[in-house]
C-alpha atoms as a PDB file:
ATOM      1  CA  MET A   1       0.000   0.000   0.000  1.00  0.00           C
ATOM      2  CA  SER A   2       1.429   3.375  -0.912  1.00  0.00           C
ATOM      3  CA  ALA A   3       1.316   6.540   1.149  1.00  0.00           C
ATOM      4  CA  PRO A   4      -1.330   9.197   0.326  1.00  0.00           C
ATOM      5  CA  GLY A   5      -0.198  11.299  -2.605  1.00  0.00           C
ATOM      6  CA  GLU A   6       2.724   8.981  -3.416  1.00  0.00           C
ATOM      7  CA  GLY A   7       3.517   9.012  -7.099  1.00  0.00           C
ATOM      8  CA  THR A   8       1.060  11.831  -7.798  1.00  0.00           C
ATOM      9  CA  GLY A   9       3.405  14.744  -7.307  1.00  0.00           C
ATOM     10  CA  LEU A  10       1.159  15.939  -4.475  1.00  0.00           C
ATOM     11  CA  ARG A  11       2.416  16.447  -0.959  1.00  0.00           C
ATOM     12  CA  PRO A  12       0.413  16.026   2.232  1.00  0.00           C
ATOM     13  CA  VAL A  13      -1.142  19.198   3.585  1.00  0.00           C
ATOM     14  CA  PRO A  14      -1.119  19.761   7.340  1.00  0.00           C
ATOM     15  CA  VAL A  15      -4.498  20.022   9.033  1.00  0.00           C
ATOM     16  CA  PHE A  16      -4.839  22.422  11.930  1.00  0.00           C
ATOM     17  CA  PHE A  17      -7.294  21.763  14.721  1.00  0.00           C
ATOM     18  CA  ASP A  18      -8.992  24.575  16.613  1.00  0.00           C
ATOM     19  CA  ARG A  19      -8.601  23.615  20.239  1.00  0.00           C
ATOM     20  CA  ASP A  20      -9.912  26.048  22.779  1.00  0.00           C
ATOM     21  CA  VAL A  21      -7.507  25.091  25.535  1.00  0.00           C
ATOM     22  CA  PRO A  22      -6.961  27.650  28.292  1.00  0.00           C
ATOM     23  CA  GLY A  23      -3.355  28.775  28.286  1.00  0.00           C
ATOM     24  CA  SER A  24      -2.637  27.285  24.871  1.00  0.00           C
ATOM     25  CA  GLY A  25      -1.666  30.686  23.532  1.00  0.00           C
ATOM     26  CA  ALA A  26      -4.003  30.298  20.564  1.00  0.00           C
ATOM     27  CA  ALA A  27      -5.431  33.599  19.438  1.00  0.00           C
ATOM     28  CA  PRO A  28      -9.203  33.773  19.003  1.00  0.00           C
ATOM     29  CA  GLN A  29     -10.274  33.679  15.370  1.00  0.00           C
ATOM     30  CA  ALA A  30     -12.353  36.500  13.976  1.00  0.00           C
ATOM     31  CA  GLY A  31     -15.409  35.629  11.925  1.00  0.00           C
ATOM     32  CA  PRO A  32     -15.869  36.632   8.311  1.00  0.00           C
ATOM     33  CA  GLU A  33     -16.109  40.301   7.472  1.00  0.00           C
ATOM     34  CA  PRO A  34     -19.405  41.704   6.150  1.00  0.00           C
ATOM     35  CA  GLY A  35     -19.559  41.095   2.403  1.00  0.00           C
ATOM     36  CA  ASP A  36     -17.440  37.926   2.618  1.00  0.00           C
ATOM     37  CA  PRO A  37     -19.050  34.714   1.311  1.00  0.00           C
ATOM     38  CA  GLY A  38     -19.106  33.456   4.891  1.00  0.00           C
ATOM     39  CA  THR A  39     -21.622  36.095   5.966  1.00  0.00           C
ATOM     40  CA  ALA A  40     -24.427  34.521   3.930  1.00  0.00           C
ATOM     41  CA  SER A  41     -26.062  31.563   5.600  1.00  0.00           C
ATOM     42  CA  PHE A  42     -25.663  28.155   4.018  1.00  0.00           C
ATOM     43  CA  VAL A  43     -29.391  28.227   3.254  1.00  0.00           C
ATOM     44  CA  GLU A  44     -28.925  31.444   1.243  1.00  0.00           C
ATOM     45  CA  ARG A  45     -25.821  30.104  -0.490  1.00  0.00           C
ATOM     46  CA  LEU A  46     -27.545  26.789  -1.284  1.00  0.00           C
ATOM     47  CA  ALA A  47     -30.521  28.643  -2.802  1.00  0.00           C
ATOM     48  CA  ALA A  48     -28.139  30.635  -5.017  1.00  0.00           C
ATOM     49  CA  ILE A  49     -26.564  27.546  -6.625  1.00  0.00           C
ATOM     50  CA  ASP A  50     -27.395  27.445 -10.323  1.00  0.00           C
ATOM     51  CA  PRO A  51     -28.254  23.835 -11.233  1.00  0.00           C
ATOM     52  CA  ALA A  52     -27.049  24.471 -14.788  1.00  0.00           C
ATOM     53  CA  LEU A  53     -23.491  25.090 -13.550  1.00  0.00           C
ATOM     54  CA  PRO A  54     -21.010  22.782 -11.801  1.00  0.00           C
ATOM     55  CA  THR A  55     -21.567  22.818  -8.027  1.00  0.00           C
ATOM     56  CA  ALA A  56     -19.035  25.109  -6.379  1.00  0.00           C
ATOM     57  CA  SER A  57     -17.215  24.293  -3.183  1.00  0.00           C
ATOM     58  CA  PRO A  58     -18.657  25.773   0.026  1.00  0.00           C
ATOM     59  CA  CYS A  59     -15.102  26.689   1.112  1.00  0.00           C
ATOM     60  CA  ILE A  60     -14.734  30.285   2.320  1.00  0.00           C
ATOM     61  CA  ASN A  61     -10.974  30.015   3.027  1.00  0.00           C
ATOM     62  CA  VAL A  62     -11.386  29.763   6.806  1.00  0.00           C
ATOM     63  CA  CYS A  63      -9.822  26.306   6.957  1.00  0.00           C
ATOM     64  CA  ARG A  64      -9.606  25.053  10.534  1.00  0.00           C
ATOM     65  CA  ILE A  65     -11.039  21.848  11.935  1.00  0.00           C
ATOM     66  CA  ASP A  66     -13.005  22.159  15.180  1.00  0.00           C
ATOM     67  CA  ALA A  67     -11.773  19.336  17.422  1.00  0.00           C
ATOM     68  CA  ALA A  68     -15.185  19.020  19.119  1.00  0.00           C
ATOM     69  CA  THR A  69     -17.208  18.529  15.919  1.00  0.00           C
ATOM     70  CA  GLY A  70     -14.592  17.282  13.453  1.00  0.00           C
ATOM     71  CA  ARG A  71     -15.817  19.874  10.956  1.00  0.00           C
ATOM     72  CA  CYS A  72     -14.215  22.900   9.324  1.00  0.00           C
ATOM     73  CA  ILE A  73     -15.231  26.099  11.113  1.00  0.00           C
ATOM     74  CA  GLY A  74     -15.482  27.873   7.744  1.00  0.00           C
ATOM     75  CA  CYS A  75     -17.383  25.566   5.415  1.00  0.00           C
ATOM     76  CA  ARG A  76     -18.721  23.103   8.061  1.00  0.00           C
ATOM     77  CA  ARG A  77     -17.635  20.078   6.002  1.00  0.00           C
ATOM     78  CA  THR A  78     -16.006  17.006   7.545  1.00  0.00           C
ATOM     79  CA  LEU A  79     -12.465  16.032   6.588  1.00  0.00           C
ATOM     80  CA  ASP A  80     -13.878  13.176   4.479  1.00  0.00           C
ATOM     81  CA  GLU A  81     -16.174  15.598   2.623  1.00  0.00           C
ATOM     82  CA  ILE A  82     -13.313  18.039   2.043  1.00  0.00           C
ATOM     83  CA  ALA A  83     -10.908  15.331   0.884  1.00  0.00           C
ATOM     84  CA  GLY A  84     -13.474  13.700  -1.407  1.00  0.00           C
ATOM     85  CA  TRP A  85     -14.887  16.888  -2.935  1.00  0.00           C
ATOM     86  CA  SER A  86     -12.806  16.782  -6.125  1.00  0.00           C
ATOM     87  CA  ARG A  87     -13.895  13.181  -6.807  1.00  0.00           C
ATOM     88  CA  MET A  88     -17.616  13.789  -6.145  1.00  0.00           C
ATOM     89  CA  ASP A  89     -20.091  14.246  -8.942  1.00  0.00           C
ATOM     90  CA  ASP A  90     -22.509  17.189  -8.805  1.00  0.00           C
ATOM     91  CA  ALA A  91     -25.264  15.105  -7.186  1.00  0.00           C
ATOM     92  CA  ALA A  92     -22.973  14.108  -4.294  1.00  0.00           C
ATOM     93  CA  ARG A  93     -21.753  17.699  -3.921  1.00  0.00           C
ATOM     94  CA  ARG A  94     -25.352  18.926  -3.658  1.00  0.00           C
ATOM     95  CA  VAL A  95     -26.031  16.333  -0.939  1.00  0.00           C
ATOM     96  CA  VAL A  96     -23.117  17.775   1.056  1.00  0.00           C
ATOM     97  CA  TRP A  97     -24.483  21.292   0.521  1.00  0.00           C
ATOM     98  CA  THR A  98     -27.909  20.236   1.816  1.00  0.00           C
ATOM     99  CA  ARG A  99     -26.319  19.003   5.063  1.00  0.00           C
ATOM    100  CA  LEU A 100     -24.500  22.269   5.804  1.00  0.00           C
ATOM    101  CA  PRO A 101     -27.398  24.461   7.081  1.00  0.00           C
ATOM    102  CA  ALA A 102     -27.979  22.064  10.004  1.00  0.00           C
ATOM    103  CA  ARG A 103     -24.300  22.380  10.920  1.00  0.00           C
ATOM    104  CA  GLU A 104     -24.348  26.156  11.368  1.00  0.00           C
ATOM    105  CA  PRO A 105     -23.907  27.351  14.955  1.00  0.00           C
ATOM    106  CA  GLY A 106     -27.298  27.856  16.526  1.00  0.00           C
ATOM    107  CA  ALA A 107     -29.052  25.619  13.989  1.00  0.00           C
END
């Protein structure tokens, strides 16, 4: 069995976990600025997807995994969903999108 990315020219990318540990020295992360894609709810963003176009990634470039939920704090996807995104067809991508509104804080 080969290592992930072996022979593909790709290198592993480190994943950072957001651990809220007192005294860890981690700076609090600010939320998205008004006007950023992250300010629209996932429901609004899902409604704006044009079915005639390829389904875009929900990534908003706030890429940190919450240790408590195992999901990205930006796009709310799991590591498996993030890693598999490029291999998913549009139907599978839309299924992921439909799961995201329930993952928003306060949902």
